[in-house]
Amino acid sequence: MVVFDSESWESHLLPPSATVIADIIAELSDGGPVSSMRLKQVLRDEYELDPDSSAIGDFLGMLNEIGMLSE
């Protein structure tokens, strides 16, 4: 999956495992960035993932940097 950052005009190639989280963000989005707090809650409660793990935390940080998540 490729994500385009319209602010910097950069494209980001996501690894296959990250596509699941990107799909969840797309479901939660109402046309704007999803709050990182809301995403973490959904990952924990509905998908039983640990959003505080280093791998997921690093990925969420990258998504925040490219504007897919808000604080």
Protein backbone atom coordinates (compact mmCIF):
# COMPACT_ATOMS: atom_id res chain seq x y z
CA MET A 1 0.00 0.00 0.00
CA VAL A 2 1.24 3.47 -0.88
CA VAL A 3 0.26 6.51 1.19
CA PHE A 4 0.59 9.98 -0.31
CA ASP A 5 1.40 12.94 1.96
CA SER A 6 -0.25 15.92 0.28
CA GLU A 7 1.62 18.44 2.45
CA SER A 8 5.12 17.30 1.49
CA TRP A 9 4.17 15.66 -1.83
CA GLU A 10 5.95 12.48 -0.73
CA SER A 11 4.75 8.92 -1.21
CA HIS A 12 5.34 6.31 1.48
CA LEU A 13 5.36 2.58 0.77
CA LEU A 14 3.83 0.71 3.70
CA PRO A 15 4.90 -2.84 4.54
CA PRO A 16 2.14 -5.47 4.23
CA SER A 17 1.70 -5.79 8.00
CA ALA A 18 1.08 -2.04 8.26
CA THR A 19 -1.70 -2.18 5.69
CA VAL A 20 -4.06 -3.60 8.32
CA ILE A 21 -3.60 -0.54 10.53
CA ALA A 22 -3.94 1.79 7.54
CA ASP A 23 -7.24 0.07 6.67
CA ILE A 24 -8.47 0.56 10.25
CA ILE A 25 -7.57 4.25 10.02
CA ALA A 26 -9.49 4.53 6.75
CA GLU A 27 -12.56 3.00 8.44
CA LEU A 28 -12.33 5.43 11.37
CA SER A 29 -11.62 8.51 9.27
CA ASP A 30 -14.38 10.97 8.49
CA GLY A 31 -12.34 12.85 5.92
CA GLY A 32 -9.66 14.06 8.33
CA PRO A 33 -6.91 12.60 10.47
CA VAL A 34 -7.89 10.06 13.13
CA SER A 35 -6.76 10.83 16.67
CA SER A 36 -3.95 8.59 17.84
CA MET A 37 -5.82 8.07 21.12
CA ARG A 38 -8.91 6.76 19.28
CA LEU A 39 -6.82 4.48 17.07
CA LYS A 40 -4.94 3.06 20.05
CA GLN A 41 -8.23 2.35 21.81
CA VAL A 42 -9.61 0.51 18.76
CA LEU A 43 -6.39 -1.46 18.26
CA ARG A 44 -6.44 -2.53 21.91
CA ASP A 45 -10.18 -3.19 22.37
CA GLU A 46 -11.31 -4.54 19.01
CA TYR A 47 -8.15 -6.12 17.58
CA GLU A 48 -6.31 -7.09 20.79
CA LEU A 49 -3.11 -5.44 19.58
CA ASP A 50 -0.68 -3.62 21.86
CA PRO A 51 -0.38 -0.07 20.48
CA ASP A 52 2.38 0.63 23.01
CA SER A 53 4.69 -2.06 21.60
CA SER A 54 7.79 -0.64 19.96
CA ALA A 55 6.88 -1.84 16.45
CA ILE A 56 3.33 -0.47 16.46
CA GLY A 57 4.38 2.65 18.37
CA ASP A 58 7.07 3.45 15.79
CA PHE A 59 4.61 2.92 12.96
CA LEU A 60 1.99 5.15 14.60
CA GLY A 61 4.66 7.83 15.06
CA MET A 62 5.45 7.68 11.34
CA LEU A 63 1.74 7.95 10.49
CA ASN A 64 1.50 10.98 12.77
CA GLU A 65 4.46 12.60 10.97
CA ILE A 66 2.84 12.20 7.55
CA GLY A 67 -0.50 13.55 8.76
CA MET A 68 -2.62 10.39 8.93
CA LEU A 69 -3.03 10.73 12.71
CA SER A 70 -3.62 13.68 14.98
CA GLU A 71 -2.45 13.99 18.56
